[in-house]
Amino acid sequence: MAKAIFSAVLAIAIIGCGGVDSGRSQLMVEDTKARMISAGVKAPDAAEREIVEQVSDNRQAYDKLLTLLVKHYKKTGNNMKLLWAEKELNALERIPKYNYLLEASLAGPGLKASTQIPEADDLYYEAWLIEKKAKELILIKNDNMLRLALDKYNQLISKHPSSDKIDDAAYRAAGIYQHFKDYSIAVLYYQRAYQWDPETYHPAKYKAARLLDVHLHRRSEALELYRQVVEQEELKDSYREFAEKRIAELSTRL
């Protein structure tokens, strides 16, 4: 059964990287592939977690067995089967591998950014440094390093759910998801930033509204958030002007 499943997977063409909500941010980087599940926050859907764990275990087992097969054919000198095994192993390595569990979703909206935790502060600083290094070039971003930063931000949320840095981590992560055009995930993380800390200084609610409006076309939701930020929050002038403009435009349509 497992062999049939993996053969079917390998028959699928490698998917492209473009498009909205393509999951590019969730592609797993090398040193996080083995750690599919973060500790500390239980998933609301235990069935999903169990399936994801099995997918991760089977990925690793399949890779290990193919590697052993390649070594066996090298040792025995069977060049024809060695070629087959190497092709299959190379194809397996090229297949996109996603992290299906989103920490902001698992944690839910009820966390409170309340406690200073040195370990969480360190994780946040590490993630921020990786993110900063990934953006050193103006026109080109290092996507693999951005995924490493995401992993650190999500580790912080998972391992230290009461940290006063969880809203900061969610906000920074949202920006990276936005870079990858995973807009639905970005909105979720922006929402968690202001849900976990209603007094957050980040313009998370405005950013969520703009993504809902411009990219996801969920304009009723966007209009409500625009109204909230204009009435309740301090915004820089360009943000306020855009929000007020969109309130006027959307109010006549919806």
Protein backbone atom coordinates (compact mmCIF):
# COMPACT_ATOMS: atom_id res chain seq x y z
CA MET A 1 0.00 0.00 0.00
CA ALA A 2 2.74 2.44 1.03
CA LYS A 3 4.72 1.60 -2.11
CA ALA A 4 1.71 2.32 -4.30
CA ILE A 5 1.09 5.64 -2.56
CA PHE A 6 4.67 6.80 -2.98
CA SER A 7 4.79 5.66 -6.61
CA ALA A 8 1.70 7.75 -7.28
CA VAL A 9 3.31 10.74 -5.58
CA LEU A 10 6.42 10.42 -7.69
CA ALA A 11 4.31 10.37 -10.83
CA ILE A 12 3.01 13.87 -10.06
CA ALA A 13 4.90 16.65 -11.83
CA ILE A 14 6.81 19.04 -9.63
CA ILE A 15 4.46 21.91 -8.82
CA GLY A 16 5.28 25.52 -9.67
CA CYS A 17 6.19 28.15 -7.13
CA GLY A 18 3.87 30.95 -8.21
CA GLY A 19 0.32 31.90 -7.34
CA VAL A 20 -1.63 32.99 -4.30
CA ASP A 21 -1.75 30.66 -1.26
CA SER A 22 0.55 28.18 -3.03
CA GLY A 23 2.12 27.06 0.25
CA ARG A 24 5.62 28.22 -0.71
CA SER A 25 6.25 29.37 2.86
CA GLN A 26 5.40 25.88 4.13
CA LEU A 27 8.00 24.07 2.06
CA MET A 28 10.26 22.42 4.57
CA VAL A 29 13.94 23.32 4.75
CA GLU A 30 16.54 20.60 5.21
CA ASP A 31 17.19 20.87 8.93
CA THR A 32 13.49 21.00 9.83
CA LYS A 33 12.23 18.11 7.69
CA ALA A 34 12.73 15.62 10.49
CA ARG A 35 10.87 17.78 13.01
CA MET A 36 7.33 17.91 11.67
CA ILE A 37 5.63 18.48 15.01
CA SER A 38 6.52 21.32 17.38
CA ALA A 39 6.12 20.69 21.10
CA GLY A 40 4.00 22.61 23.56
CA VAL A 41 0.65 23.26 21.85
CA LYS A 42 -1.89 20.53 21.19
CA ALA A 43 -3.68 20.43 17.87
CA PRO A 44 -7.44 20.92 17.99
CA ASP A 45 -7.74 18.12 15.42
CA ALA A 46 -5.86 15.09 16.76
CA ALA A 47 -6.63 13.14 13.58
CA GLU A 48 -4.77 15.68 11.44
CA ARG A 49 -1.74 15.59 13.73
CA GLU A 50 -1.64 11.79 13.62
CA ILE A 51 -1.84 11.73 9.82
CA VAL A 52 0.87 14.39 9.47
CA GLU A 53 3.12 12.42 11.81
CA GLN A 54 2.62 9.31 9.68
CA VAL A 55 3.37 11.25 6.50
CA SER A 56 6.60 12.50 8.08
CA ASP A 57 7.62 9.02 9.26
CA ASN A 58 6.90 7.51 5.84
CA ARG A 59 8.83 10.23 4.05
CA GLN A 60 11.89 9.51 6.15
CA ALA A 61 11.52 5.73 5.85
CA TYR A 62 11.12 5.88 2.07
CA ASP A 63 14.17 8.12 1.71
CA LYS A 64 16.25 5.85 3.94
CA LEU A 65 15.26 2.68 2.07
CA LEU A 66 15.96 4.18 -1.34
CA THR A 67 19.37 5.34 -0.11
CA LEU A 68 20.12 1.81 1.09
CA LEU A 69 18.99 0.44 -2.28
CA VAL A 70 21.36 2.80 -4.11
CA LYS A 71 24.23 1.63 -1.89
CA HIS A 72 23.30 -2.02 -2.49
CA TYR A 73 23.34 -1.67 -6.28
CA LYS A 74 26.63 0.21 -6.16
CA LYS A 75 28.11 -2.60 -4.09
CA THR A 76 26.77 -5.37 -6.33
CA GLY A 77 27.60 -3.56 -9.56
CA ASN A 78 24.06 -3.64 -10.96
CA ASN A 79 24.29 -0.44 -12.99
CA MET A 80 20.86 -0.70 -14.57
CA LYS A 81 19.01 -0.92 -11.25
CA LEU A 82 21.39 1.62 -9.71
CA LEU A 83 20.26 4.12 -12.36
CA TRP A 84 16.60 3.39 -11.55
CA ALA A 85 17.11 3.79 -7.82
CA GLU A 86 19.09 7.01 -8.21
CA LYS A 87 16.40 8.47 -10.46
CA GLU A 88 13.71 7.61 -7.94
CA LEU A 89 15.73 9.02 -5.05
CA ASN A 90 16.40 12.24 -6.96
CA ALA A 91 12.71 12.56 -7.81
CA LEU A 92 11.78 12.05 -4.16
CA GLU A 93 14.17 14.80 -3.10
CA ARG A 94 12.63 17.22 -5.62
CA ILE A 95 9.03 16.66 -4.53
CA PRO A 96 7.84 19.64 -2.43
CA LYS A 97 7.41 18.69 1.23
CA TYR A 98 5.06 20.83 3.30
CA ASN A 99 4.61 21.48 6.98
CA TYR A 100 0.84 21.07 7.24
CA LEU A 101 0.51 22.20 10.86
CA LEU A 102 0.39 25.96 11.43
CA GLU A 103 1.27 26.98 14.96
CA ALA A 104 -0.98 30.05 14.88
CA SER A 105 -3.89 27.82 13.97
CA LEU A 106 -3.04 25.16 16.55
CA ALA A 107 -2.63 27.70 19.32
CA GLY A 108 -5.95 29.43 18.67
CA PRO A 109 -6.82 33.06 19.37
CA GLY A 110 -6.88 32.79 23.18
CA LEU A 111 -3.18 33.08 24.04
CA LYS A 112 -1.99 36.14 25.95
CA ALA A 113 1.37 37.80 25.32
CA SER A 114 2.10 38.41 28.98
CA THR A 115 5.34 36.96 30.36
CA GLN A 116 8.97 37.79 29.72
CA ILE A 117 10.74 34.50 29.05
CA PRO A 118 14.48 34.66 28.30
CA GLU A 119 14.44 31.53 26.14
CA ALA A 120 11.62 32.99 24.05
CA ASP A 121 13.48 36.29 23.75
CA ASP A 122 16.52 34.41 22.47
CA LEU A 123 14.45 32.52 19.89
CA TYR A 124 12.91 35.75 18.69
CA TYR A 125 16.31 37.41 18.33
CA GLU A 126 17.71 34.39 16.46
CA ALA A 127 14.74 34.42 14.09
CA TRP A 128 15.02 38.16 13.55
CA LEU A 129 18.73 37.89 12.72
CA ILE A 130 18.06 35.10 10.20
CA GLU A 131 15.24 37.10 8.63
CA LYS A 132 17.43 40.20 8.45
CA LYS A 133 20.27 38.27 6.80
CA ALA A 134 17.80 36.78 4.30
CA LYS A 135 16.85 40.31 3.23
CA GLU A 136 20.34 41.76 2.90
CA LEU A 137 20.03 41.99 -0.88
CA ILE A 138 17.46 44.57 -1.92
CA LEU A 139 15.99 42.78 -4.93
CA ILE A 140 16.60 39.14 -4.03
CA LYS A 141 15.49 37.45 -0.82
CA ASN A 142 16.94 34.17 0.45
CA ASP A 143 13.77 32.07 0.63
CA ASN A 144 15.41 29.17 2.42
CA MET A 145 16.65 31.45 5.20
CA LEU A 146 13.21 33.05 5.45
CA ARG A 147 11.74 29.58 6.03
CA LEU A 148 14.35 29.01 8.74
CA ALA A 149 13.26 32.27 10.38
CA LEU A 150 9.63 31.13 10.15
CA ASP A 151 10.56 27.91 11.88
CA LYS A 152 12.13 29.88 14.75
CA TYR A 153 9.11 32.17 15.09
CA ASN A 154 6.81 29.15 15.15
CA GLN A 155 9.01 27.38 17.69
CA LEU A 156 8.65 30.40 19.93
CA ILE A 157 4.84 30.32 19.66
CA SER A 158 4.73 26.58 20.23
CA LYS A 159 7.21 26.29 23.09
CA HIS A 160 6.47 29.54 24.92
CA PRO A 161 2.77 30.32 24.40
CA SER A 162 2.66 32.80 27.31
CA SER A 163 5.71 34.79 26.15
CA ASP A 164 5.31 38.51 25.60
CA LYS A 165 7.02 37.93 22.25
CA ILE A 166 4.30 35.75 20.67
CA ASP A 167 2.54 38.72 19.08
CA ASP A 168 5.88 39.98 17.71
CA ALA A 169 6.69 36.51 16.37
CA ALA A 170 3.26 36.22 14.76
CA TYR A 171 3.63 39.64 13.13
CA ARG A 172 7.11 38.92 11.77
CA ALA A 173 5.99 35.50 10.54
CA ALA A 174 2.98 37.09 8.81
CA GLY A 175 5.29 39.34 6.83
CA ILE A 176 7.27 36.34 5.62
CA TYR A 177 4.11 34.46 4.65
CA GLN A 178 3.08 37.58 2.75
CA HIS A 179 6.42 37.55 0.92
CA PHE A 180 5.64 34.01 -0.24
CA LYS A 181 2.13 35.12 -1.32
CA ASP A 182 0.55 32.73 1.15
CA TYR A 183 -1.94 35.44 1.94
CA SER A 184 -4.50 33.38 3.84
CA ILE A 185 -1.79 32.21 6.25
CA ALA A 186 -0.43 35.74 6.53
CA VAL A 187 -3.88 37.04 7.50
CA LEU A 188 -4.17 34.35 10.17
CA TYR A 189 -0.83 35.37 11.71
CA TYR A 190 -1.65 39.09 11.57
CA GLN A 191 -4.92 38.29 13.33
CA ARG A 192 -3.13 36.31 16.01
CA ALA A 193 -0.76 39.23 16.62
CA TYR A 194 -3.57 41.57 17.66
CA GLN A 195 -5.64 38.81 19.28
CA TRP A 196 -2.74 37.74 21.49
CA ASP A 197 -1.91 41.34 22.35
CA PRO A 198 -4.77 43.81 21.74
CA GLU A 199 -2.32 46.62 22.59
CA THR A 200 0.38 45.50 20.16
CA TYR A 201 2.22 48.37 18.54
CA HIS A 202 2.40 46.49 15.24
CA PRO A 203 -0.11 47.57 12.53
CA ALA A 204 -1.29 43.98 12.33
CA LYS A 205 -4.99 44.75 11.98
CA TYR A 206 -4.36 47.17 9.12
CA LYS A 207 -2.10 44.64 7.37
CA ALA A 208 -4.76 41.94 7.75
CA ALA A 209 -7.41 44.27 6.35
CA ARG A 210 -5.30 45.17 3.33
CA LEU A 211 -4.56 41.54 2.47
CA LEU A 212 -8.22 40.60 2.85
CA ASP A 213 -9.15 43.52 0.61
CA VAL A 214 -6.51 43.60 -2.11
CA HIS A 215 -5.42 39.99 -2.45
CA LEU A 216 -8.16 37.74 -1.06
CA HIS A 217 -11.16 39.89 -2.04
CA ARG A 218 -12.89 39.21 1.29
CA ARG A 219 -14.00 42.80 1.38
CA SER A 220 -16.75 42.66 4.00
CA GLU A 221 -14.17 41.42 6.50
CA ALA A 222 -11.68 44.00 5.29
CA LEU A 223 -14.17 46.85 5.65
CA GLU A 224 -14.87 45.95 9.28
CA LEU A 225 -11.16 45.90 10.08
CA TYR A 226 -10.51 49.17 8.24
CA ARG A 227 -13.20 50.80 10.35
CA GLN A 228 -11.70 49.44 13.54
CA VAL A 229 -8.19 50.65 12.79
CA VAL A 230 -9.35 54.13 11.76
CA GLU A 231 -11.48 54.49 14.89
CA GLN A 232 -9.25 52.79 17.45
CA GLU A 233 -5.59 52.79 16.40
CA GLU A 234 -2.71 55.14 15.78
CA LEU A 235 -1.65 54.72 12.16
CA LYS A 236 0.98 56.36 10.03
CA ASP A 237 -0.52 58.81 7.58
CA SER A 238 -0.23 56.65 4.46
CA TYR A 239 -2.00 53.73 6.19
CA ARG A 240 -4.79 55.96 7.50
CA GLU A 241 -5.32 57.60 4.12
CA PHE A 242 -5.55 54.24 2.37
CA ALA A 243 -7.92 52.82 5.00
CA GLU A 244 -10.22 55.85 4.84
CA LYS A 245 -10.23 55.71 1.05
CA ARG A 246 -11.17 52.04 1.05
CA ILE A 247 -13.87 52.57 3.67
CA ALA A 248 -15.48 55.19 1.44
CA GLU A 249 -15.21 52.99 -1.66
CA LEU A 250 -16.32 49.73 -0.07
CA SER A 251 -19.19 51.30 1.86
CA THR A 252 -20.92 52.16 -1.42
CA ARG A 253 -20.51 48.64 -2.82
CA LEU A 254 -21.28 46.34 0.09
